[in-house]
Amino acid sequence: MGGGAKKKSIAMAEKAQRRSTTKDGEEKEKKESSGTQKTGPKSVAIGDELMKTIKKEAPKMNAVTPYVIASKYNIKLSSAKTILRELEKANLLRKACGNHRVSVYAPPSKKAEETAAA
């Protein structure tokens, strides 16, 4: 019933031998898919200049999500969420819709700006 391990076929033995040689001396070339890009580490600290540019450009966009801000300015998603909450408190953006996972912000309407200024 039991028996030992199955003997590898010649092709499988050759593959195993190739794998062991690539690990030891040679560098294995990896194929990169055309759709993905390698990016550097995302910044955690948000500088004053970055905050100024986001304050200037975010109200001009039709719809703003944390992902849009994070990918455009190469910052972490959590940092983008806090930035958008701060912009909402400053009445530069309003929360258009969202749930517990994602929030969609839009520029404030003209009526809201007039009542806030008065």
PDB file of N, CA and C in Angstrom:
ATOM      1  N   MET A   1       0.795  -1.202   0.000  1.00  0.00           N
ATOM      2  CA  MET A   1       0.000   0.000   0.000  1.00  0.00           C
ATOM      3  C   MET A   1       0.833   1.259   0.000  1.00  0.00           C
ATOM      4  N   GLY A   2       1.714   1.417   0.966  1.00  0.00           N
ATOM      5  CA  GLY A   2       2.458   2.654   1.143  1.00  0.00           C
ATOM      6  C   GLY A   2       3.373   2.965  -0.012  1.00  0.00           C
ATOM      7  N   GLY A   3       4.526   2.436   0.055  1.00  0.00           N
ATOM      8  CA  GLY A   3       5.488   2.698  -1.008  1.00  0.00           C
ATOM      9  C   GLY A   3       6.241   3.980  -0.764  1.00  0.00           C
ATOM     10  N   GLY A   4       7.264   4.179  -1.483  1.00  0.00           N
ATOM     11  CA  GLY A   4       8.110   5.360  -1.333  1.00  0.00           C
ATOM     12  C   GLY A   4       7.680   6.488  -2.245  1.00  0.00           C
ATOM     13  N   ALA A   5       8.517   7.484  -2.334  1.00  0.00           N
ATOM     14  CA  ALA A   5       8.229   8.636  -3.187  1.00  0.00           C
ATOM     15  C   ALA A   5       8.395   8.250  -4.644  1.00  0.00           C
ATOM     16  N   LYS A   6       7.609   8.877  -5.457  1.00  0.00           N
ATOM     17  CA  LYS A   6       7.645   8.603  -6.884  1.00  0.00           C
ATOM     18  C   LYS A   6       8.961   9.116  -7.477  1.00  0.00           C
ATOM     19  N   LYS A   7       9.512   8.362  -8.394  1.00  0.00           N
ATOM     20  CA  LYS A   7      10.742   8.778  -9.049  1.00  0.00           C
ATOM     21  C   LYS A   7      10.410   9.891 -10.047  1.00  0.00           C
ATOM     22  N   LYS A   8      11.209  10.961 -10.013  1.00  0.00           N
ATOM     23  CA  LYS A   8      10.976  12.089 -10.906  1.00  0.00           C
ATOM     24  C   LYS A   8      11.290  11.714 -12.339  1.00  0.00           C
ATOM     25  N   SER A   9      10.518  12.285 -13.253  1.00  0.00           N
ATOM     26  CA  SER A   9      10.810  12.065 -14.662  1.00  0.00           C
ATOM     27  C   SER A   9      12.069  12.843 -15.033  1.00  0.00           C
ATOM     28  N   ILE A  10      12.606  12.573 -16.164  1.00  0.00           N
ATOM     29  CA  ILE A  10      13.841  13.225 -16.608  1.00  0.00           C
ATOM     30  C   ILE A  10      13.629  14.734 -16.736  1.00  0.00           C
ATOM     31  N   ALA A  11      12.481  15.147 -17.274  1.00  0.00           N
ATOM     32  CA  ALA A  11      12.200  16.574 -17.446  1.00  0.00           C
ATOM     33  C   ALA A  11      12.117  17.284 -16.097  1.00  0.00           C
ATOM     34  N   MET A  12      11.464  16.627 -15.131  1.00  0.00           N
ATOM     35  CA  MET A  12      11.349  17.236 -13.803  1.00  0.00           C
ATOM     36  C   MET A  12      12.714  17.330 -13.119  1.00  0.00           C
ATOM     37  N   ALA A  13      13.560  16.327 -13.288  1.00  0.00           N
ATOM     38  CA  ALA A  13      14.900  16.352 -12.707  1.00  0.00           C
ATOM     39  C   ALA A  13      15.730  17.476 -13.319  1.00  0.00           C
ATOM     40  N   GLU A  14      15.600  17.689 -14.636  1.00  0.00           N
ATOM     41  CA  GLU A  14      16.328  18.772 -15.293  1.00  0.00           C
ATOM     42  C   GLU A  14      15.868  20.133 -14.789  1.00  0.00           C
ATOM     43  N   LYS A  15      14.556  20.298 -14.603  1.00  0.00           N
ATOM     44  CA  LYS A  15      14.024  21.567 -14.079  1.00  0.00           C
ATOM     45  C   LYS A  15      14.560  21.838 -12.680  1.00  0.00           C
ATOM     46  N   ALA A  16      14.568  20.826 -11.842  1.00  0.00           N
ATOM     47  CA  ALA A  16      15.072  20.995 -10.479  1.00  0.00           C
ATOM     48  C   ALA A  16      16.543  21.364 -10.492  1.00  0.00           C
ATOM     49  N   GLN A  17      17.304  20.761 -11.395  1.00  0.00           N
ATOM     50  CA  GLN A  17      18.730  21.066 -11.491  1.00  0.00           C
ATOM     51  C   GLN A  17      18.934  22.510 -11.957  1.00  0.00           C
ATOM     52  N   ARG A  18      18.132  22.951 -12.925  1.00  0.00           N
ATOM     53  CA  ARG A  18      18.237  24.344 -13.397  1.00  0.00           C
ATOM     54  C   ARG A  18      17.896  25.330 -12.289  1.00  0.00           C
ATOM     55  N   ARG A  19      16.884  25.010 -11.509  1.00  0.00           N
ATOM     56  CA  ARG A  19      16.499  25.905 -10.406  1.00  0.00           C
ATOM     57  C   ARG A  19      17.617  26.030  -9.391  1.00  0.00           C
ATOM     58  N   SER A  20      18.261  24.926  -9.059  1.00  0.00           N
ATOM     59  CA  SER A  20      19.324  24.977  -8.057  1.00  0.00           C
ATOM     60  C   SER A  20      20.532  25.756  -8.571  1.00  0.00           C
ATOM     61  N   THR A  21      20.830  25.673  -9.861  1.00  0.00           N
ATOM     62  CA  THR A  21      21.971  26.422 -10.388  1.00  0.00           C
ATOM     63  C   THR A  21      21.664  27.913 -10.471  1.00  0.00           C
ATOM     64  N   THR A  22      20.427  28.290 -10.754  1.00  0.00           N
ATOM     65  CA  THR A  22      20.113  29.719 -10.823  1.00  0.00           C
ATOM     66  C   THR A  22      20.131  30.347  -9.441  1.00  0.00           C
ATOM     67  N   LYS A  23      19.794  29.596  -8.410  1.00  0.00           N
ATOM     68  CA  LYS A  23      19.832  30.136  -7.053  1.00  0.00           C
ATOM     69  C   LYS A  23      21.267  30.379  -6.602  1.00  0.00           C
ATOM     70  N   ASP A  24      22.182  29.491  -7.001  1.00  0.00           N
ATOM     71  CA  ASP A  24      23.558  29.577  -6.527  1.00  0.00           C
ATOM     72  C   ASP A  24      24.344  30.705  -7.158  1.00  0.00           C
ATOM     73  N   GLY A  25      24.555  30.643  -8.474  1.00  0.00           N
ATOM     74  CA  GLY A  25      25.486  31.570  -9.086  1.00  0.00           C
ATOM     75  C   GLY A  25      24.855  32.603  -9.987  1.00  0.00           C
ATOM     76  N   GLU A  26      23.968  32.188 -10.831  1.00  0.00           N
ATOM     77  CA  GLU A  26      23.444  33.098 -11.851  1.00  0.00           C
ATOM     78  C   GLU A  26      22.248  33.872 -11.327  1.00  0.00           C
ATOM     79  N   GLU A  27      22.065  35.044 -11.894  1.00  0.00           N
ATOM     80  CA  GLU A  27      20.882  35.825 -11.556  1.00  0.00           C
ATOM     81  C   GLU A  27      19.755  35.404 -12.464  1.00  0.00           C
ATOM     82  N   LYS A  28      18.616  35.208 -11.883  1.00  0.00           N
ATOM     83  CA  LYS A  28      17.456  34.800 -12.659  1.00  0.00           C
ATOM     84  C   LYS A  28      16.767  36.053 -13.176  1.00  0.00           C
ATOM     85  N   GLU A  29      16.532  36.102 -14.464  1.00  0.00           N
ATOM     86  CA  GLU A  29      15.863  37.259 -15.041  1.00  0.00           C
ATOM     87  C   GLU A  29      14.370  37.118 -14.855  1.00  0.00           C
ATOM     88  N   LYS A  30      13.773  38.154 -14.315  1.00  0.00           N
ATOM     89  CA  LYS A  30      12.334  38.123 -14.075  1.00  0.00           C
ATOM     90  C   LYS A  30      11.625  38.871 -15.188  1.00  0.00           C
ATOM     91  N   LYS A  31      10.501  38.341 -15.578  1.00  0.00           N
ATOM     92  CA  LYS A  31       9.691  39.013 -16.581  1.00  0.00           C
ATOM     93  C   LYS A  31       8.785  40.001 -15.860  1.00  0.00           C
ATOM     94  N   GLU A  32       8.806  41.220 -16.328  1.00  0.00           N
ATOM     95  CA  GLU A  32       7.939  42.233 -15.753  1.00  0.00           C
ATOM     96  C   GLU A  32       6.739  42.406 -16.661  1.00  0.00           C
ATOM     97  N   SER A  33       5.576  42.431 -16.045  1.00  0.00           N
ATOM     98  CA  SER A  33       4.378  42.632 -16.853  1.00  0.00           C
ATOM     99  C   SER A  33       4.314  44.086 -17.290  1.00  0.00           C
ATOM    100  N   SER A  34       3.738  44.303 -18.446  1.00  0.00           N
ATOM    101  CA  SER A  34       3.725  45.647 -19.012  1.00  0.00           C
ATOM    102  C   SER A  34       2.777  46.575 -18.254  1.00  0.00           C
ATOM    103  N   GLY A  35       1.805  46.032 -17.525  1.00  0.00           N
ATOM    104  CA  GLY A  35       0.809  46.861 -16.851  1.00  0.00           C
ATOM    105  C   GLY A  35       1.263  47.408 -15.508  1.00  0.00           C
ATOM    106  N   THR A  36       2.196  46.766 -14.849  1.00  0.00           N
ATOM    107  CA  THR A  36       2.603  47.218 -13.527  1.00  0.00           C
ATOM    108  C   THR A  36       3.888  48.020 -13.607  1.00  0.00           C
ATOM    109  N   GLN A  37       3.994  48.980 -12.729  1.00  0.00           N
ATOM    110  CA  GLN A  37       5.198  49.794 -12.651  1.00  0.00           C
ATOM    111  C   GLN A  37       5.724  49.713 -11.234  1.00  0.00           C
ATOM    112  N   LYS A  38       7.035  49.652 -11.107  1.00  0.00           N
ATOM    113  CA  LYS A  38       7.623  49.666  -9.778  1.00  0.00           C
ATOM    114  C   LYS A  38       7.820  51.113  -9.366  1.00  0.00           C
ATOM    115  N   THR A  39       7.336  51.434  -8.190  1.00  0.00           N
ATOM    116  CA  THR A  39       7.499  52.780  -7.676  1.00  0.00           C
ATOM    117  C   THR A  39       8.356  52.727  -6.427  1.00  0.00           C
ATOM    118  N   GLY A  40       8.919  53.844  -6.088  1.00  0.00           N
ATOM    119  CA  GLY A  40       9.731  53.927  -4.897  1.00  0.00           C
ATOM    120  C   GLY A  40       8.848  53.964  -3.669  1.00  0.00           C
ATOM    121  N   PRO A  41       9.443  54.103  -2.519  1.00  0.00           N
ATOM    122  CA  PRO A  41       8.651  54.157  -1.294  1.00  0.00           C
ATOM    123  C   PRO A  41       7.798  55.429  -1.261  1.00  0.00           C
ATOM    124  N   LYS A  42       6.604  55.270  -0.768  1.00  0.00           N
ATOM    125  CA  LYS A  42       5.694  56.404  -0.698  1.00  0.00           C
ATOM    126  C   LYS A  42       6.030  57.228   0.530  1.00  0.00           C
ATOM    127  N   SER A  43       5.877  58.535   0.408  1.00  0.00           N
ATOM    128  CA  SER A  43       6.243  59.404   1.518  1.00  0.00           C
ATOM    129  C   SER A  43       5.127  59.445   2.554  1.00  0.00           C
ATOM    130  N   VAL A  44       5.534  59.519   3.803  1.00  0.00           N
ATOM    131  CA  VAL A  44       4.589  59.578   4.902  1.00  0.00           C
ATOM    132  C   VAL A  44       4.391  61.029   5.335  1.00  0.00           C
ATOM    133  N   ALA A  45       5.487  61.755   5.432  1.00  0.00           N
ATOM    134  CA  ALA A  45       5.424  63.140   5.866  1.00  0.00           C
ATOM    135  C   ALA A  45       4.918  64.013   4.716  1.00  0.00           C
ATOM    136  N   ILE A  46       4.019  64.910   5.059  1.00  0.00           N
ATOM    137  CA  ILE A  46       3.435  65.793   4.057  1.00  0.00           C
ATOM    138  C   ILE A  46       3.996  67.188   4.292  1.00  0.00           C
ATOM    139  N   GLY A  47       4.705  67.686   3.304  1.00  0.00           N
ATOM    140  CA  GLY A  47       5.319  68.997   3.427  1.00  0.00           C
ATOM    141  C   GLY A  47       4.339  70.115   3.148  1.00  0.00           C
ATOM    142  N   ASP A  48       4.749  71.324   3.471  1.00  0.00           N
ATOM    143  CA  ASP A  48       3.895  72.486   3.256  1.00  0.00           C
ATOM    144  C   ASP A  48       3.656  72.737   1.767  1.00  0.00           C
ATOM    145  N   GLU A  49       4.691  72.526   0.951  1.00  0.00           N
ATOM    146  CA  GLU A  49       4.537  72.753  -0.485  1.00  0.00           C
ATOM    147  C   GLU A  49       3.550  71.767  -1.098  1.00  0.00           C
ATOM    148  N   LEU A  50       3.636  70.519  -0.670  1.00  0.00           N
ATOM    149  CA  LEU A  50       2.708  69.507  -1.172  1.00  0.00           C
ATOM    150  C   LEU A  50       1.282  69.828  -0.749  1.00  0.00           C
ATOM    151  N   MET A  51       1.122  70.270   0.482  1.00  0.00           N
ATOM    152  CA  MET A  51      -0.211  70.620   0.983  1.00  0.00           C
ATOM    153  C   MET A  51      -0.774  71.811   0.202  1.00  0.00           C
ATOM    154  N   LYS A  52       0.070  72.783  -0.124  1.00  0.00           N
ATOM    155  CA  LYS A  52      -0.386  73.947  -0.898  1.00  0.00           C
ATOM    156  C   LYS A  52      -0.839  73.539  -2.288  1.00  0.00           C
ATOM    157  N   THR A  53      -0.078  72.658  -2.931  1.00  0.00           N
ATOM    158  CA  THR A  53      -0.472  72.241  -4.280  1.00  0.00           C
ATOM    159  C   THR A  53      -1.759  71.427  -4.255  1.00  0.00           C
ATOM    160  N   ILE A  54      -1.942  70.593  -3.236  1.00  0.00           N
ATOM    161  CA  ILE A  54      -3.185  69.825  -3.136  1.00  0.00           C
ATOM    162  C   ILE A  54      -4.355  70.757  -2.874  1.00  0.00           C
ATOM    163  N   LYS A  55      -4.158  71.766  -2.012  1.00  0.00           N
ATOM    164  CA  LYS A  55      -5.228  72.727  -1.734  1.00  0.00           C
ATOM    165  C   LYS A  55      -5.607  73.515  -2.983  1.00  0.00           C
ATOM    166  N   LYS A  56      -4.621  73.746  -3.840  1.00  0.00           N
ATOM    167  CA  LYS A  56      -4.876  74.517  -5.053  1.00  0.00           C
ATOM    168  C   LYS A  56      -5.563  73.666  -6.127  1.00  0.00           C
ATOM    169  N   GLU A  57      -5.122  72.414  -6.291  1.00  0.00           N
ATOM    170  CA  GLU A  57      -5.607  71.590  -7.397  1.00  0.00           C
ATOM    171  C   GLU A  57      -6.832  70.746  -7.075  1.00  0.00           C
ATOM    172  N   ALA A  58      -7.028  70.353  -5.829  1.00  0.00           N
ATOM    173  CA  ALA A  58      -8.142  69.464  -5.487  1.00  0.00           C
ATOM    174  C   ALA A  58      -9.512  70.099  -5.755  1.00  0.00           C
ATOM    175  N   PRO A  59      -9.748  71.368  -5.419  1.00  0.00           N
ATOM    176  CA  PRO A  59     -11.070  71.934  -5.717  1.00  0.00           C
ATOM    177  C   PRO A  59     -11.365  72.075  -7.213  1.00  0.00           C
ATOM    178  N   LYS A  60     -10.343  72.016  -8.055  1.00  0.00           N
ATOM    179  CA  LYS A  60     -10.554  72.117  -9.501  1.00  0.00           C
ATOM    180  C   LYS A  60     -11.014  70.796 -10.112  1.00  0.00           C
ATOM    181  N   MET A  61     -10.798  69.685  -9.413  1.00  0.00           N
ATOM    182  CA  MET A  61     -11.175  68.372  -9.927  1.00  0.00           C
ATOM    183  C   MET A  61     -12.678  68.151  -9.754  1.00  0.00           C
ATOM    184  N   ASN A  62     -13.260  67.378 -10.663  1.00  0.00           N
ATOM    185  CA  ASN A  62     -14.684  67.081 -10.571  1.00  0.00           C
ATOM    186  C   ASN A  62     -14.994  66.183  -9.386  1.00  0.00           C
ATOM    187  N   ALA A  63     -14.280  65.100  -9.265  1.00  0.00           N
ATOM    188  CA  ALA A  63     -14.457  64.164  -8.156  1.00  0.00           C
ATOM    189  C   ALA A  63     -13.080  63.800  -7.621  1.00  0.00           C
ATOM    190  N   VAL A  64     -12.960  63.806  -6.321  1.00  0.00           N
ATOM    191  CA  VAL A  64     -11.671  63.526  -5.695  1.00  0.00           C
ATOM    192  C   VAL A  64     -11.858  62.367  -4.727  1.00  0.00           C
ATOM    193  N   THR A  65     -11.031  61.345  -4.882  1.00  0.00           N
ATOM    194  CA  THR A  65     -11.020  60.222  -3.952  1.00  0.00           C
ATOM    195  C   THR A  65      -9.631  60.134  -3.326  1.00  0.00           C
ATOM    196  N   PRO A  66      -9.518  59.449  -2.204  1.00  0.00           N
ATOM    197  CA  PRO A  66      -8.184  59.291  -1.614  1.00  0.00           C
ATOM    198  C   PRO A  66      -7.202  58.601  -2.549  1.00  0.00           C
ATOM    199  N   TYR A  67      -7.682  57.670  -3.368  1.00  0.00           N
ATOM    200  CA  TYR A  67      -6.795  56.972  -4.295  1.00  0.00           C
ATOM    201  C   TYR A  67      -6.225  57.927  -5.336  1.00  0.00           C
ATOM    202  N   VAL A  68      -7.030  58.853  -5.812  1.00  0.00           N
ATOM    203  CA  VAL A  68      -6.561  59.818  -6.821  1.00  0.00           C
ATOM    204  C   VAL A  68      -5.437  60.667  -6.242  1.00  0.00           C
ATOM    205  N   ILE A  69      -5.631  61.155  -5.035  1.00  0.00           N
ATOM    206  CA  ILE A  69      -4.616  61.997  -4.384  1.00  0.00           C
ATOM    207  C   ILE A  69      -3.355  61.176  -4.094  1.00  0.00           C
ATOM    208  N   ALA A  70      -3.531  59.964  -3.583  1.00  0.00           N
ATOM    209  CA  ALA A  70      -2.383  59.128  -3.224  1.00  0.00           C
ATOM    210  C   ALA A  70      -1.555  58.764  -4.446  1.00  0.00           C
ATOM    211  N   SER A  71      -2.197  58.435  -5.541  1.00  0.00           N
ATOM    212  CA  SER A  71      -1.439  58.043  -6.726  1.00  0.00           C
ATOM    213  C   SER A  71      -0.828  59.241  -7.435  1.00  0.00           C
ATOM    214  N   LYS A  72      -1.507  60.372  -7.424  1.00  0.00           N
ATOM    215  CA  LYS A  72      -0.991  61.547  -8.122  1.00  0.00           C
ATOM    216  C   LYS A  72       0.223  62.151  -7.418  1.00  0.00           C
ATOM    217  N   TYR A  73       0.195  62.182  -6.094  1.00  0.00           N
ATOM    218  CA  TYR A  73       1.271  62.834  -5.342  1.00  0.00           C
ATOM    219  C   TYR A  73       2.209  61.836  -4.657  1.00  0.00           C
ATOM    220  N   ASN A  74       2.038  60.541  -4.919  1.00  0.00           N
ATOM    221  CA  ASN A  74       2.897  59.486  -4.385  1.00  0.00           C
ATOM    222  C   ASN A  74       2.983  59.534  -2.858  1.00  0.00           C
ATOM    223  N   ILE A  75       1.818  59.553  -2.224  1.00  0.00           N
ATOM    224  CA  ILE A  75       1.746  59.507  -0.766  1.00  0.00           C
ATOM    225  C   ILE A  75       0.911  58.301  -0.374  1.00  0.00           C
ATOM    226  N   LYS A  76       0.928  57.969   0.896  1.00  0.00           N
ATOM    227  CA  LYS A  76       0.160  56.825   1.378  1.00  0.00           C
ATOM    228  C   LYS A  76      -1.328  57.140   1.350  1.00  0.00           C
ATOM    229  N   LEU A  77      -2.129  56.099   1.242  1.00  0.00           N
ATOM    230  CA  LEU A  77      -3.575  56.247   1.159  1.00  0.00           C
ATOM    231  C   LEU A  77      -4.145  56.826   2.448  1.00  0.00           C
ATOM    232  N   SER A  78      -3.606  56.437   3.585  1.00  0.00           N
ATOM    233  CA  SER A  78      -4.087  56.967   4.855  1.00  0.00           C
ATOM    234  C   SER A  78      -3.797  58.464   4.966  1.00  0.00           C
ATOM    235  N   SER A  79      -2.656  58.886   4.449  1.00  0.00           N
ATOM    236  CA  SER A  79      -2.326  60.313   4.458  1.00  0.00           C
ATOM    237  C   SER A  79      -3.271  61.085   3.545  1.00  0.00           C
ATOM    238  N   ALA A  80      -3.619  60.495   2.411  1.00  0.00           N
ATOM    239  CA  ALA A  80      -4.545  61.152   1.485  1.00  0.00           C
ATOM    240  C   ALA A  80      -5.924  61.301   2.114  1.00  0.00           C
ATOM    241  N   LYS A  81      -6.350  60.315   2.883  1.00  0.00           N
ATOM    242  CA  LYS A  81      -7.651  60.389   3.552  1.00  0.00           C
ATOM    243  C   LYS A  81      -7.671  61.530   4.569  1.00  0.00           C
ATOM    244  N   THR A  82      -6.602  61.665   5.340  1.00  0.00           N
ATOM    245  CA  THR A  82      -6.571  62.741   6.329  1.00  0.00           C
ATOM    246  C   THR A  82      -6.502  64.108   5.656  1.00  0.00           C
ATOM    247  N   ILE A  83      -5.797  64.209   4.548  1.00  0.00           N
ATOM    248  CA  ILE A  83      -5.728  65.482   3.818  1.00  0.00           C
ATOM    249  C   ILE A  83      -7.122  65.878   3.333  1.00  0.00           C
ATOM    250  N   LEU A  84      -7.852  64.923   2.772  1.00  0.00           N
ATOM    251  CA  LEU A  84      -9.183  65.230   2.259  1.00  0.00           C
ATOM    252  C   LEU A  84     -10.148  65.602   3.384  1.00  0.00           C
ATOM    253  N   ARG A  85     -10.004  64.977   4.540  1.00  0.00           N
ATOM    254  CA  ARG A  85     -10.843  65.367   5.689  1.00  0.00           C
ATOM    255  C   ARG A  85     -10.526  66.790   6.129  1.00  0.00           C
ATOM    256  N   GLU A  86      -9.247  67.158   6.113  1.00  0.00           N
ATOM    257  CA  GLU A  86      -8.858  68.525   6.477  1.00  0.00           C
ATOM    258  C   GLU A  86      -9.401  69.537   5.472  1.00  0.00           C
ATOM    259  N   LEU A  87      -9.358  69.189   4.185  1.00  0.00           N
ATOM    260  CA  LEU A  87      -9.888  70.087   3.166  1.00  0.00           C
ATOM    261  C   LEU A  87     -11.405  70.228   3.289  1.00  0.00           C
ATOM    262  N   GLU A  88     -12.063  69.177   3.755  1.00  0.00           N
ATOM    263  CA  GLU A  88     -13.510  69.257   3.975  1.00  0.00           C
ATOM    264  C   GLU A  88     -13.819  70.187   5.148  1.00  0.00           C
ATOM    265  N   LYS A  89     -13.009  70.112   6.201  1.00  0.00           N
ATOM    266  CA  LYS A  89     -13.207  70.999   7.352  1.00  0.00           C
ATOM    267  C   LYS A  89     -12.950  72.457   6.989  1.00  0.00           C
ATOM    268  N   ALA A  90     -12.038  72.689   6.043  1.00  0.00           N
ATOM    269  CA  ALA A  90     -11.718  74.049   5.611  1.00  0.00           C
ATOM    270  C   ALA A  90     -12.679  74.548   4.526  1.00  0.00           C
ATOM    271  N   ASN A  91     -13.709  73.752   4.200  1.00  0.00           N
ATOM    272  CA  ASN A  91     -14.721  74.091   3.188  1.00  0.00           C
ATOM    273  C   ASN A  91     -14.130  74.271   1.790  1.00  0.00           C
ATOM    274  N   LEU A  92     -13.019  73.596   1.505  1.00  0.00           N
ATOM    275  CA  LEU A  92     -12.468  73.601   0.157  1.00  0.00           C
ATOM    276  C   LEU A  92     -13.051  72.462  -0.670  1.00  0.00           C
ATOM    277  N   LEU A  93     -13.530  71.423   0.007  1.00  0.00           N
ATOM    278  CA  LEU A  93     -14.191  70.290  -0.637  1.00  0.00           C
ATOM    279  C   LEU A  93     -15.403  69.909   0.193  1.00  0.00           C
ATOM    280  N   ARG A  94     -16.345  69.222  -0.461  1.00  0.00           N
ATOM    281  CA  ARG A  94     -17.484  68.688   0.282  1.00  0.00           C
ATOM    282  C   ARG A  94     -17.573  67.200  -0.014  1.00  0.00           C
ATOM    283  N   LYS A  95     -18.091  66.448   0.949  1.00  0.00           N
ATOM    284  CA  LYS A  95     -18.224  65.010   0.760  1.00  0.00           C
ATOM    285  C   LYS A  95     -19.467  64.757  -0.076  1.00  0.00           C
ATOM    286  N   ALA A  96     -19.268  64.289  -1.296  1.00  0.00           N
ATOM    287  CA  ALA A  96     -20.389  64.061  -2.209  1.00  0.00           C
ATOM    288  C   ALA A  96     -21.120  62.774  -1.847  1.00  0.00           C
ATOM    289  N   CYS A  97     -20.399  61.704  -1.678  1.00  0.00           N
ATOM    290  CA  CYS A  97     -20.989  60.428  -1.271  1.00  0.00           C
ATOM    291  C   CYS A  97     -19.880  59.546  -0.746  1.00  0.00           C
ATOM    292  N   GLY A  98     -20.272  58.441  -0.187  1.00  0.00           N
ATOM    293  CA  GLY A  98     -19.280  57.509   0.306  1.00  0.00           C
ATOM    294  C   GLY A  98     -19.856  56.599   1.357  1.00  0.00           C
ATOM    295  N   ASN A  99     -19.054  55.643   1.763  1.00  0.00           N
ATOM    296  CA  ASN A  99     -19.429  54.740   2.841  1.00  0.00           C
ATOM    297  C   ASN A  99     -18.222  54.580   3.759  1.00  0.00           C
ATOM    298  N   HIS A 100     -18.195  53.511   4.554  1.00  0.00           N
ATOM    299  CA  HIS A 100     -17.100  53.355   5.500  1.00  0.00           C
ATOM    300  C   HIS A 100     -15.774  53.013   4.827  1.00  0.00           C
ATOM    301  N   ARG A 101     -15.787  52.578   3.575  1.00  0.00           N
ATOM    302  CA  ARG A 101     -14.550  52.200   2.891  1.00  0.00           C
ATOM    303  C   ARG A 101     -13.951  53.330   2.072  1.00  0.00           C
ATOM    304  N   VAL A 102     -14.779  54.062   1.355  1.00  0.00           N
ATOM    305  CA  VAL A 102     -14.266  55.090   0.451  1.00  0.00           C
ATOM    306  C   VAL A 102     -15.170  56.317   0.529  1.00  0.00           C
ATOM    307  N   SER A 103     -14.564  57.467   0.372  1.00  0.00           N
ATOM    308  CA  SER A 103     -15.299  58.727   0.342  1.00  0.00           C
ATOM    309  C   SER A 103     -14.992  59.425  -0.968  1.00  0.00           C
ATOM    310  N   VAL A 104     -16.029  60.017  -1.555  1.00  0.00           N
ATOM    311  CA  VAL A 104     -15.865  60.764  -2.791  1.00  0.00           C
ATOM    312  C   VAL A 104     -16.145  62.222  -2.471  1.00  0.00           C
ATOM    313  N   TYR A 105     -15.184  63.068  -2.787  1.00  0.00           N
ATOM    314  CA  TYR A 105     -15.319  64.492  -2.505  1.00  0.00           C
ATOM    315  C   TYR A 105     -15.498  65.253  -3.808  1.00  0.00           C
ATOM    316  N   ALA A 106     -16.167  66.395  -3.707  1.00  0.00           N
ATOM    317  CA  ALA A 106     -16.402  67.254  -4.866  1.00  0.00           C
ATOM    318  C   ALA A 106     -16.157  68.686  -4.435  1.00  0.00           C
ATOM    319  N   PRO A 107     -15.952  69.591  -5.390  1.00  0.00           N
ATOM    320  CA  PRO A 107     -15.805  70.994  -5.011  1.00  0.00           C
ATOM    321  C   PRO A 107     -17.120  71.507  -4.428  1.00  0.00           C
ATOM    322  N   PRO A 108     -17.043  72.450  -3.515  1.00  0.00           N
ATOM    323  CA  PRO A 108     -18.283  72.951  -2.907  1.00  0.00           C
ATOM    324  C   PRO A 108     -19.136  73.674  -3.938  1.00  0.00           C
ATOM    325  N   SER A 109     -20.447  73.612  -3.724  1.00  0.00           N
ATOM    326  CA  SER A 109     -21.359  74.288  -4.651  1.00  0.00           C
ATOM    327  C   SER A 109     -21.296  75.792  -4.423  1.00  0.00           C
ATOM    328  N   LYS A 110     -21.766  76.557  -5.393  1.00  0.00           N
ATOM    329  CA  LYS A 110     -21.711  78.018  -5.310  1.00  0.00           C
ATOM    330  C   LYS A 110     -22.555  78.534  -4.150  1.00  0.00           C
ATOM    331  N   LYS A 111     -23.716  77.910  -3.907  1.00  0.00           N
ATOM    332  CA  LYS A 111     -24.603  78.340  -2.815  1.00  0.00           C
ATOM    333  C   LYS A 111     -23.940  78.135  -1.471  1.00  0.00           C
ATOM    334  N   ALA A 112     -23.233  77.030  -1.312  1.00  0.00           N
ATOM    335  CA  ALA A 112     -22.554  76.757  -0.045  1.00  0.00           C
ATOM    336  C   ALA A 112     -21.446  77.758   0.216  1.00  0.00           C
ATOM    337  N   GLU A 113     -20.750  78.189  -0.851  1.00  0.00           N
ATOM    338  CA  GLU A 113     -19.694  79.170  -0.684  1.00  0.00           C
ATOM    339  C   GLU A 113     -20.262  80.526  -0.277  1.00  0.00           C
ATOM    340  N   GLU A 114     -21.404  80.898  -0.849  1.00  0.00           N
ATOM    341  CA  GLU A 114     -22.002  82.189  -0.539  1.00  0.00           C
ATOM    342  C   GLU A 114     -22.508  82.224   0.903  1.00  0.00           C
ATOM    343  N   THR A 115     -23.089  81.125   1.391  1.00  0.00           N
ATOM    344  CA  THR A 115     -23.593  81.102   2.769  1.00  0.00           C
ATOM    345  C   THR A 115     -22.430  81.058   3.755  1.00  0.00           C
ATOM    346  N   ALA A 116     -21.335  80.427   3.401  1.00  0.00           N
ATOM    347  CA  ALA A 116     -20.170  80.364   4.290  1.00  0.00           C
ATOM    348  C   ALA A 116     -19.499  81.723   4.372  1.00  0.00           C
ATOM    349  N   ALA A 117     -19.512  82.490   3.284  1.00  0.00           N
ATOM    350  CA  ALA A 117     -18.870  83.810   3.261  1.00  0.00           C
ATOM    351  C   ALA A 117     -19.716  84.829   4.017  1.00  0.00           C
ATOM    352  N   ALA A 118     -21.003  84.663   4.069  1.00  0.00           N
ATOM    353  CA  ALA A 118     -21.889  85.640   4.714  1.00  0.00           C
ATOM    354  C   ALA A 118     -21.947  85.534   6.196  1.00  0.00           C
TER     355      ALA A 118
END
